[in-house]
N, C-alpha and C. Protein backbone atom coordinates (compact mmCIF):
# COMPACT_ATOMS: atom_id res chain seq x y z
N MET A 1 0.84 -1.17 0.00
CA MET A 1 0.00 0.00 0.00
C MET A 1 0.89 1.24 0.00
N TYR A 2 0.54 2.21 -0.83
CA TYR A 2 1.30 3.46 -0.93
C TYR A 2 0.40 4.62 -0.54
N THR A 3 0.97 5.56 0.18
CA THR A 3 0.23 6.72 0.64
C THR A 3 0.77 7.97 -0.03
N VAL A 4 -0.14 8.73 -0.64
CA VAL A 4 0.19 10.05 -1.17
C VAL A 4 -0.24 11.02 -0.08
N TYR A 5 0.64 11.93 0.30
CA TYR A 5 0.36 12.79 1.43
C TYR A 5 0.71 14.24 1.13
N VAL A 6 0.09 15.13 1.90
CA VAL A 6 0.37 16.55 1.81
C VAL A 6 0.68 17.02 3.23
N LEU A 7 1.82 17.67 3.37
CA LEU A 7 2.21 18.25 4.65
C LEU A 7 2.05 19.76 4.58
N GLN A 8 1.78 20.38 5.73
CA GLN A 8 1.70 21.83 5.80
C GLN A 8 2.52 22.30 6.99
N ASP A 9 3.24 23.41 6.81
CA ASP A 9 4.00 23.95 7.92
C ASP A 9 3.25 25.12 8.55
N LYS A 10 3.85 25.71 9.58
CA LYS A 10 3.17 26.78 10.31
C LYS A 10 2.92 28.02 9.47
N ASN A 11 3.65 28.21 8.38
CA ASN A 11 3.46 29.36 7.50
C ASN A 11 2.48 29.09 6.37
N GLY A 12 1.91 27.88 6.32
CA GLY A 12 0.94 27.53 5.30
C GLY A 12 1.55 26.94 4.03
N LYS A 13 2.85 26.70 4.04
CA LYS A 13 3.51 26.13 2.88
C LYS A 13 3.25 24.62 2.84
N TYR A 14 3.08 24.09 1.62
CA TYR A 14 2.75 22.68 1.45
C TYR A 14 3.92 21.89 0.86
N TYR A 15 3.95 20.60 1.21
CA TYR A 15 4.87 19.65 0.61
C TYR A 15 4.04 18.44 0.23
N LYS A 16 4.22 17.95 -1.00
CA LYS A 16 3.49 16.78 -1.47
C LYS A 16 4.46 15.65 -1.74
N GLY A 17 4.09 14.43 -1.34
CA GLY A 17 4.96 13.29 -1.56
C GLY A 17 4.19 11.99 -1.47
N PHE A 18 4.92 10.88 -1.61
CA PHE A 18 4.29 9.56 -1.44
C PHE A 18 5.30 8.63 -0.79
N THR A 19 4.79 7.60 -0.14
CA THR A 19 5.62 6.65 0.58
C THR A 19 4.86 5.35 0.80
N ASN A 20 5.60 4.32 1.19
CA ASN A 20 4.94 3.08 1.58
C ASN A 20 4.92 2.93 3.11
N ASN A 21 5.46 3.93 3.82
CA ASN A 21 5.46 3.93 5.28
C ASN A 21 5.34 5.37 5.76
N LEU A 22 4.12 5.83 5.97
CA LEU A 22 3.89 7.23 6.30
C LEU A 22 4.51 7.64 7.64
N ALA A 23 4.44 6.79 8.64
CA ALA A 23 5.00 7.14 9.95
C ALA A 23 6.50 7.38 9.85
N ARG A 24 7.22 6.49 9.16
CA ARG A 24 8.67 6.65 8.99
C ARG A 24 8.99 7.91 8.21
N ARG A 25 8.26 8.11 7.11
CA ARG A 25 8.54 9.25 6.24
C ARG A 25 8.24 10.58 6.94
N PHE A 26 7.15 10.63 7.70
CA PHE A 26 6.80 11.84 8.43
C PHE A 26 7.88 12.15 9.47
N SER A 27 8.38 11.12 10.12
CA SER A 27 9.46 11.30 11.09
C SER A 27 10.71 11.87 10.41
N GLU A 28 11.04 11.38 9.23
CA GLU A 28 12.18 11.90 8.48
C GLU A 28 11.98 13.38 8.16
N HIS A 29 10.79 13.76 7.78
CA HIS A 29 10.51 15.17 7.48
C HIS A 29 10.66 16.02 8.74
N LYS A 30 10.06 15.58 9.83
CA LYS A 30 10.10 16.36 11.08
C LYS A 30 11.50 16.50 11.65
N ASN A 31 12.35 15.50 11.43
CA ASN A 31 13.69 15.52 11.99
C ASN A 31 14.73 16.14 11.06
N GLY A 32 14.29 16.73 9.95
CA GLY A 32 15.19 17.44 9.06
C GLY A 32 16.04 16.57 8.16
N HIS A 33 15.62 15.34 7.92
CA HIS A 33 16.38 14.44 7.06
C HIS A 33 16.03 14.57 5.58
N THR A 34 15.07 15.44 5.28
CA THR A 34 14.64 15.66 3.90
C THR A 34 14.99 17.09 3.51
N LYS A 35 15.77 17.24 2.46
CA LYS A 35 16.27 18.55 2.06
C LYS A 35 15.15 19.57 1.83
N SER A 36 14.09 19.14 1.16
CA SER A 36 13.03 20.09 0.79
C SER A 36 12.16 20.52 1.97
N THR A 37 12.15 19.79 3.07
CA THR A 37 11.36 20.19 4.23
C THR A 37 12.23 20.54 5.43
N LYS A 38 13.51 20.61 5.22
CA LYS A 38 14.45 20.88 6.30
C LYS A 38 14.14 22.19 7.03
N ASN A 39 13.73 23.22 6.28
CA ASN A 39 13.46 24.52 6.87
C ASN A 39 11.98 24.78 7.14
N MET A 40 11.18 23.74 7.09
CA MET A 40 9.75 23.85 7.40
C MET A 40 9.56 23.40 8.86
N TYR A 41 8.76 24.18 9.61
CA TYR A 41 8.59 23.89 11.03
C TYR A 41 7.13 23.62 11.36
N ASP A 42 6.92 22.88 12.43
CA ASP A 42 5.57 22.50 12.88
C ASP A 42 4.78 21.83 11.76
N LEU A 43 5.38 20.83 11.16
CA LEU A 43 4.73 20.11 10.07
C LEU A 43 3.56 19.28 10.58
N LYS A 44 2.52 19.22 9.77
CA LYS A 44 1.40 18.34 10.07
C LYS A 44 0.88 17.75 8.76
N VAL A 45 0.37 16.55 8.85
CA VAL A 45 -0.23 15.88 7.69
C VAL A 45 -1.64 16.43 7.55
N VAL A 46 -1.95 17.02 6.39
CA VAL A 46 -3.27 17.62 6.19
C VAL A 46 -4.13 16.86 5.19
N TYR A 47 -3.52 15.94 4.42
CA TYR A 47 -4.30 15.20 3.43
C TYR A 47 -3.57 13.92 3.06
N ILE A 48 -4.32 12.81 2.94
CA ILE A 48 -3.73 11.56 2.49
C ILE A 48 -4.69 10.83 1.55
N GLU A 49 -4.11 10.05 0.65
CA GLU A 49 -4.84 9.13 -0.21
C GLU A 49 -4.00 7.87 -0.29
N GLU A 50 -4.65 6.71 -0.35
CA GLU A 50 -3.92 5.45 -0.42
C GLU A 50 -4.16 4.75 -1.76
N TYR A 51 -3.09 4.13 -2.27
CA TYR A 51 -3.13 3.42 -3.54
C TYR A 51 -2.45 2.07 -3.39
N LYS A 52 -2.87 1.12 -4.21
CA LYS A 52 -2.32 -0.23 -4.14
C LYS A 52 -0.98 -0.36 -4.84
N THR A 53 -0.75 0.45 -5.88
CA THR A 53 0.48 0.29 -6.66
C THR A 53 1.31 1.58 -6.66
N LEU A 54 2.59 1.39 -6.85
CA LEU A 54 3.53 2.51 -6.92
C LEU A 54 3.21 3.45 -8.09
N PRO A 55 2.96 2.95 -9.30
CA PRO A 55 2.65 3.86 -10.41
C PRO A 55 1.42 4.74 -10.17
N GLU A 56 0.40 4.17 -9.52
CA GLU A 56 -0.80 4.96 -9.21
C GLU A 56 -0.46 6.10 -8.24
N ALA A 57 0.30 5.77 -7.21
CA ALA A 57 0.67 6.78 -6.21
C ALA A 57 1.55 7.86 -6.82
N ARG A 58 2.50 7.46 -7.62
CA ARG A 58 3.41 8.43 -8.26
C ARG A 58 2.64 9.36 -9.19
N LYS A 59 1.71 8.81 -9.94
CA LYS A 59 0.90 9.61 -10.85
C LYS A 59 0.08 10.65 -10.09
N ARG A 60 -0.48 10.25 -8.95
CA ARG A 60 -1.28 11.18 -8.15
C ARG A 60 -0.40 12.27 -7.53
N GLU A 61 0.78 11.90 -7.07
CA GLU A 61 1.71 12.89 -6.51
C GLU A 61 2.08 13.92 -7.57
N ILE A 62 2.37 13.47 -8.77
CA ILE A 62 2.71 14.38 -9.87
C ILE A 62 1.52 15.30 -10.16
N TYR A 63 0.31 14.76 -10.13
CA TYR A 63 -0.88 15.59 -10.35
C TYR A 63 -0.97 16.69 -9.30
N PHE A 64 -0.75 16.36 -8.04
CA PHE A 64 -0.83 17.36 -6.97
C PHE A 64 0.16 18.50 -7.16
N LYS A 65 1.23 18.25 -7.88
CA LYS A 65 2.25 19.27 -8.10
C LYS A 65 1.96 20.14 -9.33
N THR A 66 0.86 19.86 -10.03
CA THR A 66 0.45 20.68 -11.18
C THR A 66 -0.49 21.78 -10.69
N ALA A 67 -0.76 22.74 -11.56
CA ALA A 67 -1.69 23.82 -11.20
C ALA A 67 -3.07 23.26 -10.89
N ALA A 68 -3.55 22.31 -11.69
CA ALA A 68 -4.86 21.71 -11.45
C ALA A 68 -4.87 20.96 -10.11
N GLY A 69 -3.79 20.28 -9.79
CA GLY A 69 -3.70 19.56 -8.53
C GLY A 69 -3.67 20.50 -7.34
N ARG A 70 -2.98 21.61 -7.48
CA ARG A 70 -2.94 22.61 -6.40
C ARG A 70 -4.33 23.21 -6.18
N ARG A 71 -5.06 23.45 -7.27
CA ARG A 71 -6.44 23.96 -7.14
C ARG A 71 -7.32 22.93 -6.43
N PHE A 72 -7.18 21.65 -6.82
CA PHE A 72 -7.94 20.58 -6.19
C PHE A 72 -7.67 20.56 -4.69
N LEU A 73 -6.41 20.60 -4.30
CA LEU A 73 -6.05 20.56 -2.88
C LEU A 73 -6.55 21.79 -2.14
N LYS A 74 -6.46 22.94 -2.78
CA LYS A 74 -6.94 24.17 -2.15
C LYS A 74 -8.42 24.06 -1.80
N LEU A 75 -9.20 23.54 -2.74
CA LEU A 75 -10.63 23.36 -2.49
C LEU A 75 -10.88 22.30 -1.42
N ARG A 76 -10.14 21.21 -1.48
CA ARG A 76 -10.30 20.11 -0.53
C ARG A 76 -9.90 20.50 0.88
N LEU A 77 -8.82 21.25 0.99
CA LEU A 77 -8.29 21.60 2.32
C LEU A 77 -9.03 22.78 2.94
N ARG A 78 -9.76 23.50 2.14
CA ARG A 78 -10.51 24.64 2.67
C ARG A 78 -11.63 24.17 3.59
N SER A 79 -12.20 23.01 3.28
CA SER A 79 -13.33 22.51 4.09
C SER A 79 -12.89 21.71 5.29
């Protein structure tokens, strides 16, 4: 099982990614082991989706990083 996730920091900045172990990956983000989230503080998981295969999860992560995906998340996270 693969999880596509969105993290948000205290300033409202988002990070999108996917993993097969969300607890481990979130710990890596919080402890500064990931270059792109190293300077993000008070991270929290704000959105997740689960997929059975790696290609499905990767495709969804890529979508979230597009303008259409950002609009989708903005609408979803507003509620």
